[in-house]
Amino acid sequence: MFYLLLSILAVSPSTPKKISLATRKAFMDTVEIIGDEIAVIQMAKGAKIYIKLYPEYAPNTVKNFIMLSNLKFYDGLTFHRVISGFMAQGGCPIGNGTGAAGYNLKAEFNERRHLTGTVAMARAQDPNSASSQFYICFAPQPHLDKNYTVFGQVIKGMDVVNGIKKGSVMDSVRIVTEDSIKDILYPKKK
């Protein structure tokens, strides 16, 4: 079924990526959340960012992010908006901040605060307008608390985040379990 869904997503290189509501519903129904999911963003130069996802705070947003990652939606997209000391925003299939995955998500504002390395969904004025775009905070942003859906936290690779520039490319975004990469996250001291 996964490969069928990938074929539905197939688009030409010049066509912005979009996912039909039917594909989204079919895939969302197959996404199982274990609770220890880690998103690994590999940047174009090979550096990686590890993000602990928060399904207990934003279950539908996490499922959506996992679905888009598994469908390789984010592969090759850029961080199109980078504001020093504030955040880096990516996930726009058009590359200028106006694109989306073809649907909107209901907001899941929660108690998680905007700290250094917080990952949250970008949106327009409508609280329910998030889709595929997300941002990573360079520093605490308390004015955003409870106004944006926080769904993750950088747990390794903040140096990579701090090096993001406008136009930096995400080669891939993959979902793994914390247990499968524990040696990377928690190296044993010699």
C-alpha atoms as a PDB file:
ATOM      1  CA  MET A   1       0.000   0.000   0.000  1.00  0.00           C
ATOM      2  CA  PHE A   2       2.885   2.375   0.814  1.00  0.00           C
ATOM      3  CA  TYR A   3       4.214   2.127  -2.759  1.00  0.00           C
ATOM      4  CA  LEU A   4       0.749   2.782  -4.169  1.00  0.00           C
ATOM      5  CA  LEU A   5       0.610   5.963  -2.119  1.00  0.00           C
ATOM      6  CA  LEU A   6       4.059   6.979  -3.360  1.00  0.00           C
ATOM      7  CA  SER A   7       2.888   6.571  -6.945  1.00  0.00           C
ATOM      8  CA  ILE A   8      -0.134   8.762  -6.257  1.00  0.00           C
ATOM      9  CA  LEU A   9       2.212  11.478  -5.002  1.00  0.00           C
ATOM     10  CA  ALA A  10       4.434  11.324  -8.089  1.00  0.00           C
ATOM     11  CA  VAL A  11       4.743  14.701  -9.773  1.00  0.00           C
ATOM     12  CA  SER A  12       7.017  16.178 -12.397  1.00  0.00           C
ATOM     13  CA  PRO A  13      10.011  18.172 -11.125  1.00  0.00           C
ATOM     14  CA  SER A  14       8.371  21.460 -12.102  1.00  0.00           C
ATOM     15  CA  THR A  15       5.074  20.689 -10.354  1.00  0.00           C
ATOM     16  CA  PRO A  16       4.803  21.648  -6.680  1.00  0.00           C
ATOM     17  CA  LYS A  17       4.172  18.626  -4.457  1.00  0.00           C
ATOM     18  CA  LYS A  18       0.561  18.203  -3.343  1.00  0.00           C
ATOM     19  CA  ILE A  19      -1.214  15.348  -1.620  1.00  0.00           C
ATOM     20  CA  SER A  20      -4.866  14.616  -2.282  1.00  0.00           C
ATOM     21  CA  LEU A  21      -7.240  14.410   0.656  1.00  0.00           C
ATOM     22  CA  ALA A  22      -7.970  10.774  -0.243  1.00  0.00           C
ATOM     23  CA  THR A  23      -4.265   9.910  -0.157  1.00  0.00           C
ATOM     24  CA  ARG A  24      -3.845  11.801   3.112  1.00  0.00           C
ATOM     25  CA  LYS A  25      -6.767   9.984   4.733  1.00  0.00           C
ATOM     26  CA  ALA A  26      -5.603   6.583   3.488  1.00  0.00           C
ATOM     27  CA  PHE A  27      -2.065   7.125   4.714  1.00  0.00           C
ATOM     28  CA  MET A  28      -2.992   8.809   8.016  1.00  0.00           C
ATOM     29  CA  ASP A  29      -5.069   5.750   8.870  1.00  0.00           C
ATOM     30  CA  THR A  30      -1.947   3.578   8.503  1.00  0.00           C
ATOM     31  CA  VAL A  31       0.430   5.738  10.576  1.00  0.00           C
ATOM     32  CA  GLU A  32       0.997   4.208  13.991  1.00  0.00           C
ATOM     33  CA  ILE A  33       2.577   6.322  16.689  1.00  0.00           C
ATOM     34  CA  ILE A  34       4.851   4.427  19.060  1.00  0.00           C
ATOM     35  CA  GLY A  35       5.853   7.471  21.082  1.00  0.00           C
ATOM     36  CA  ASP A  36       9.624   7.423  20.588  1.00  0.00           C
ATOM     37  CA  GLU A  37       9.747   8.726  17.007  1.00  0.00           C
ATOM     38  CA  ILE A  38      12.702  10.850  15.975  1.00  0.00           C
ATOM     39  CA  ALA A  39      12.768  12.877  12.760  1.00  0.00           C
ATOM     40  CA  VAL A  40      16.201  13.003  11.139  1.00  0.00           C
ATOM     41  CA  ILE A  41      16.707  15.890   8.728  1.00  0.00           C
ATOM     42  CA  GLN A  42      19.749  15.336   6.557  1.00  0.00           C
ATOM     43  CA  MET A  43      20.977  18.550   5.038  1.00  0.00           C
ATOM     44  CA  ALA A  44      22.561  18.792   1.578  1.00  0.00           C
ATOM     45  CA  LYS A  45      26.101  18.738   2.978  1.00  0.00           C
ATOM     46  CA  GLY A  46      25.373  15.599   5.034  1.00  0.00           C
ATOM     47  CA  ALA A  47      24.930  17.173   8.463  1.00  0.00           C
ATOM     48  CA  LYS A  48      21.936  15.925  10.440  1.00  0.00           C
ATOM     49  CA  ILE A  49      19.336  17.384  12.785  1.00  0.00           C
ATOM     50  CA  TYR A  50      17.581  15.006  15.209  1.00  0.00           C
ATOM     51  CA  ILE A  51      14.101  16.009  16.391  1.00  0.00           C
ATOM     52  CA  LYS A  52      12.151  14.283  19.162  1.00  0.00           C
ATOM     53  CA  LEU A  53       8.482  14.337  18.133  1.00  0.00           C
ATOM     54  CA  TYR A  54       5.676  15.023  20.650  1.00  0.00           C
ATOM     55  CA  PRO A  55       2.637  12.900  19.724  1.00  0.00           C
ATOM     56  CA  GLU A  56       1.269  13.306  23.236  1.00  0.00           C
ATOM     57  CA  TYR A  57       0.910  17.071  22.648  1.00  0.00           C
ATOM     58  CA  ALA A  58       0.099  17.226  18.928  1.00  0.00           C
ATOM     59  CA  PRO A  59      -0.974  13.759  17.702  1.00  0.00           C
ATOM     60  CA  ASN A  60      -2.439  14.765  14.344  1.00  0.00           C
ATOM     61  CA  THR A  61       0.416  17.138  13.562  1.00  0.00           C
ATOM     62  CA  VAL A  62       2.982  14.434  14.350  1.00  0.00           C
ATOM     63  CA  LYS A  63       1.096  11.899  12.211  1.00  0.00           C
ATOM     64  CA  ASN A  64       0.997  14.446   9.376  1.00  0.00           C
ATOM     65  CA  PHE A  65       4.740  15.148   9.672  1.00  0.00           C
ATOM     66  CA  ILE A  66       5.492  11.417   9.680  1.00  0.00           C
ATOM     67  CA  MET A  67       3.244  10.888   6.664  1.00  0.00           C
ATOM     68  CA  LEU A  68       4.885  13.708   4.689  1.00  0.00           C
ATOM     69  CA  SER A  69       8.337  12.435   5.659  1.00  0.00           C
ATOM     70  CA  ASN A  70       7.506   8.857   4.656  1.00  0.00           C
ATOM     71  CA  LEU A  71       6.139  10.076   1.331  1.00  0.00           C
ATOM     72  CA  LYS A  72       9.428  11.985   0.828  1.00  0.00           C
ATOM     73  CA  PHE A  73       7.504  15.250   0.547  1.00  0.00           C
ATOM     74  CA  TYR A  74      10.262  17.243   2.263  1.00  0.00           C
ATOM     75  CA  ASP A  75      13.130  15.735   0.254  1.00  0.00           C
ATOM     76  CA  GLY A  76      14.875  18.481  -1.710  1.00  0.00           C
ATOM     77  CA  LEU A  77      12.871  21.351  -0.184  1.00  0.00           C
ATOM     78  CA  THR A  78      14.618  24.382   1.274  1.00  0.00           C
ATOM     79  CA  PHE A  79      14.517  26.551   4.327  1.00  0.00           C
ATOM     80  CA  HIS A  80      13.005  29.535   2.531  1.00  0.00           C
ATOM     81  CA  ARG A  81      12.707  31.912   5.485  1.00  0.00           C
ATOM     82  CA  VAL A  82      15.567  32.383   7.949  1.00  0.00           C
ATOM     83  CA  ILE A  83      15.610  35.205  10.490  1.00  0.00           C
ATOM     84  CA  SER A  84      18.748  35.433  12.611  1.00  0.00           C
ATOM     85  CA  GLY A  85      18.043  34.990  16.322  1.00  0.00           C
ATOM     86  CA  PHE A  86      14.458  33.935  15.580  1.00  0.00           C
ATOM     87  CA  MET A  87      13.868  30.859  13.407  1.00  0.00           C
ATOM     88  CA  ALA A  88      14.415  28.909  10.189  1.00  0.00           C
ATOM     89  CA  GLN A  89      11.264  27.941   8.262  1.00  0.00           C
ATOM     90  CA  GLY A  90      10.984  25.205   5.635  1.00  0.00           C
ATOM     91  CA  GLY A  91       8.579  22.725   4.099  1.00  0.00           C
ATOM     92  CA  CYS A  92       7.113  24.897   1.339  1.00  0.00           C
ATOM     93  CA  PRO A  93       6.870  22.902  -1.908  1.00  0.00           C
ATOM     94  CA  ILE A  94       7.025  26.139  -3.938  1.00  0.00           C
ATOM     95  CA  GLY A  95       9.990  27.487  -2.003  1.00  0.00           C
ATOM     96  CA  ASN A  96       8.709  30.959  -1.191  1.00  0.00           C
ATOM     97  CA  GLY A  97       6.382  30.389   1.781  1.00  0.00           C
ATOM     98  CA  THR A  98       3.123  30.323  -0.193  1.00  0.00           C
ATOM     99  CA  GLY A  99       2.892  26.574  -0.803  1.00  0.00           C
ATOM    100  CA  ALA A 100       1.268  23.769   1.158  1.00  0.00           C
ATOM    101  CA  ALA A 101       0.601  20.043   0.913  1.00  0.00           C
ATOM    102  CA  GLY A 102      -2.912  20.592  -0.461  1.00  0.00           C
ATOM    103  CA  TYR A 103      -4.866  20.621   2.810  1.00  0.00           C
ATOM    104  CA  ASN A 104      -4.870  22.324   6.224  1.00  0.00           C
ATOM    105  CA  LEU A 105      -4.508  20.920   9.716  1.00  0.00           C
ATOM    106  CA  LYS A 106      -6.572  21.764  12.754  1.00  0.00           C
ATOM    107  CA  ALA A 107      -4.421  23.635  15.276  1.00  0.00           C
ATOM    108  CA  GLU A 108      -3.168  21.669  18.274  1.00  0.00           C
ATOM    109  CA  PHE A 109      -1.900  24.503  20.463  1.00  0.00           C
ATOM    110  CA  ASN A 110      -0.430  23.046  23.630  1.00  0.00           C
ATOM    111  CA  GLU A 111       1.602  23.693  26.759  1.00  0.00           C
ATOM    112  CA  ARG A 112       4.998  23.146  25.108  1.00  0.00           C
ATOM    113  CA  ARG A 113       7.027  26.349  25.114  1.00  0.00           C
ATOM    114  CA  HIS A 114       9.074  27.855  22.298  1.00  0.00           C
ATOM    115  CA  LEU A 115      12.638  27.203  23.447  1.00  0.00           C
ATOM    116  CA  THR A 116      15.918  26.995  21.567  1.00  0.00           C
ATOM    117  CA  GLY A 117      15.404  24.109  19.128  1.00  0.00           C
ATOM    118  CA  THR A 118      11.606  23.979  19.365  1.00  0.00           C
ATOM    119  CA  VAL A 119       9.921  22.710  16.184  1.00  0.00           C
ATOM    120  CA  ALA A 120       6.429  24.006  15.399  1.00  0.00           C
ATOM    121  CA  MET A 121       4.029  24.375  12.499  1.00  0.00           C
ATOM    122  CA  ALA A 122       4.067  27.581  10.494  1.00  0.00           C
ATOM    123  CA  ARG A 123       0.678  29.000   9.561  1.00  0.00           C
ATOM    124  CA  ALA A 124      -1.129  32.041   8.194  1.00  0.00           C
ATOM    125  CA  GLN A 125      -3.484  34.193  10.302  1.00  0.00           C
ATOM    126  CA  ASP A 126      -6.070  31.412  10.453  1.00  0.00           C
ATOM    127  CA  PRO A 127      -5.038  29.137  13.361  1.00  0.00           C
ATOM    128  CA  ASN A 128      -6.148  26.126  11.279  1.00  0.00           C
ATOM    129  CA  SER A 129      -4.039  26.959   8.215  1.00  0.00           C
ATOM    130  CA  ALA A 130      -0.900  24.879   8.913  1.00  0.00           C
ATOM    131  CA  SER A 131      -0.096  22.190   6.350  1.00  0.00           C
ATOM    132  CA  SER A 132       3.511  21.236   5.593  1.00  0.00           C
ATOM    133  CA  GLN A 133       5.603  24.227   6.626  1.00  0.00           C
ATOM    134  CA  PHE A 134       7.411  24.130   9.961  1.00  0.00           C
ATOM    135  CA  TYR A 135      10.012  26.192  11.766  1.00  0.00           C
ATOM    136  CA  ILE A 136      12.867  25.589  14.184  1.00  0.00           C
ATOM    137  CA  CYS A 137      13.624  28.265  16.797  1.00  0.00           C
ATOM    138  CA  PHE A 138      17.179  29.625  17.112  1.00  0.00           C
ATOM    139  CA  ALA A 139      16.350  31.004  20.576  1.00  0.00           C
ATOM    140  CA  PRO A 140      13.386  31.072  23.007  1.00  0.00           C
ATOM    141  CA  GLN A 141      10.305  32.804  21.546  1.00  0.00           C
ATOM    142  CA  PRO A 142       7.782  33.061  24.417  1.00  0.00           C
ATOM    143  CA  HIS A 143       5.478  35.378  22.434  1.00  0.00           C
ATOM    144  CA  LEU A 144       4.656  32.371  20.185  1.00  0.00           C
ATOM    145  CA  ASP A 145       3.633  30.076  23.068  1.00  0.00           C
ATOM    146  CA  LYS A 146       0.084  28.671  22.748  1.00  0.00           C
ATOM    147  CA  ASN A 147      -0.324  30.400  19.362  1.00  0.00           C
ATOM    148  CA  TYR A 148       1.431  27.781  17.200  1.00  0.00           C
ATOM    149  CA  THR A 149       1.419  23.991  17.287  1.00  0.00           C
ATOM    150  CA  VAL A 150       4.649  22.810  18.894  1.00  0.00           C
ATOM    151  CA  PHE A 151       5.291  19.211  17.834  1.00  0.00           C
ATOM    152  CA  GLY A 152       8.982  18.549  18.427  1.00  0.00           C
ATOM    153  CA  GLN A 153      12.335  19.529  19.885  1.00  0.00           C
ATOM    154  CA  VAL A 154      15.846  19.343  18.453  1.00  0.00           C
ATOM    155  CA  ILE A 155      17.789  16.894  20.628  1.00  0.00           C
ATOM    156  CA  LYS A 156      20.992  16.759  18.562  1.00  0.00           C
ATOM    157  CA  GLY A 157      22.311  18.939  15.761  1.00  0.00           C
ATOM    158  CA  MET A 158      21.514  22.410  17.061  1.00  0.00           C
ATOM    159  CA  ASP A 159      24.888  23.447  15.589  1.00  0.00           C
ATOM    160  CA  VAL A 160      23.496  22.369  12.209  1.00  0.00           C
ATOM    161  CA  VAL A 161      20.305  24.378  12.821  1.00  0.00           C
ATOM    162  CA  ASN A 162      22.389  27.445  13.690  1.00  0.00           C
ATOM    163  CA  GLY A 163      24.163  27.075  10.331  1.00  0.00           C
ATOM    164  CA  ILE A 164      20.953  27.114   8.264  1.00  0.00           C
ATOM    165  CA  LYS A 165      20.844  29.916   5.704  1.00  0.00           C
ATOM    166  CA  LYS A 166      18.060  30.984   3.363  1.00  0.00           C
ATOM    167  CA  GLY A 167      18.009  28.378   0.607  1.00  0.00           C
ATOM    168  CA  SER A 168      19.650  25.590   2.647  1.00  0.00           C
ATOM    169  CA  VAL A 169      18.389  22.268   1.266  1.00  0.00           C
ATOM    170  CA  MET A 170      16.915  19.346   3.187  1.00  0.00           C
ATOM    171  CA  ASP A 171      18.181  16.288   1.321  1.00  0.00           C
ATOM    172  CA  SER A 172      15.830  14.052   3.259  1.00  0.00           C
ATOM    173  CA  VAL A 173      13.617  13.778   6.310  1.00  0.00           C
ATOM    174  CA  ARG A 174      13.276  10.274   7.742  1.00  0.00           C
ATOM    175  CA  ILE A 175      11.497   8.925  10.796  1.00  0.00           C
ATOM    176  CA  VAL A 176      13.307   6.480  13.065  1.00  0.00           C
ATOM    177  CA  THR A 177      12.799   5.245  16.612  1.00  0.00           C
ATOM    178  CA  GLU A 178      14.897   6.580  19.434  1.00  0.00           C
ATOM    179  CA  ASP A 179      16.015   3.048  20.291  1.00  0.00           C
ATOM    180  CA  SER A 180      17.340   2.471  16.750  1.00  0.00           C
ATOM    181  CA  ILE A 181      19.772   5.409  17.006  1.00  0.00           C
ATOM    182  CA  LYS A 182      20.524   5.467  20.730  1.00  0.00           C
ATOM    183  CA  ASP A 183      24.271   5.036  20.054  1.00  0.00           C
ATOM    184  CA  ILE A 184      24.198   8.221  17.971  1.00  0.00           C
ATOM    185  CA  LEU A 185      22.116  10.174  20.461  1.00  0.00           C
ATOM    186  CA  TYR A 186      23.786   8.868  23.601  1.00  0.00           C
ATOM    187  CA  PRO A 187      27.363   7.815  22.784  1.00  0.00           C
ATOM    188  CA  LYS A 188      29.113   5.856  25.518  1.00  0.00           C
ATOM    189  CA  LYS A 189      31.954   7.706  27.177  1.00  0.00           C
ATOM    190  CA  LYS A 190      35.338   6.063  26.893  1.00  0.00           C
END
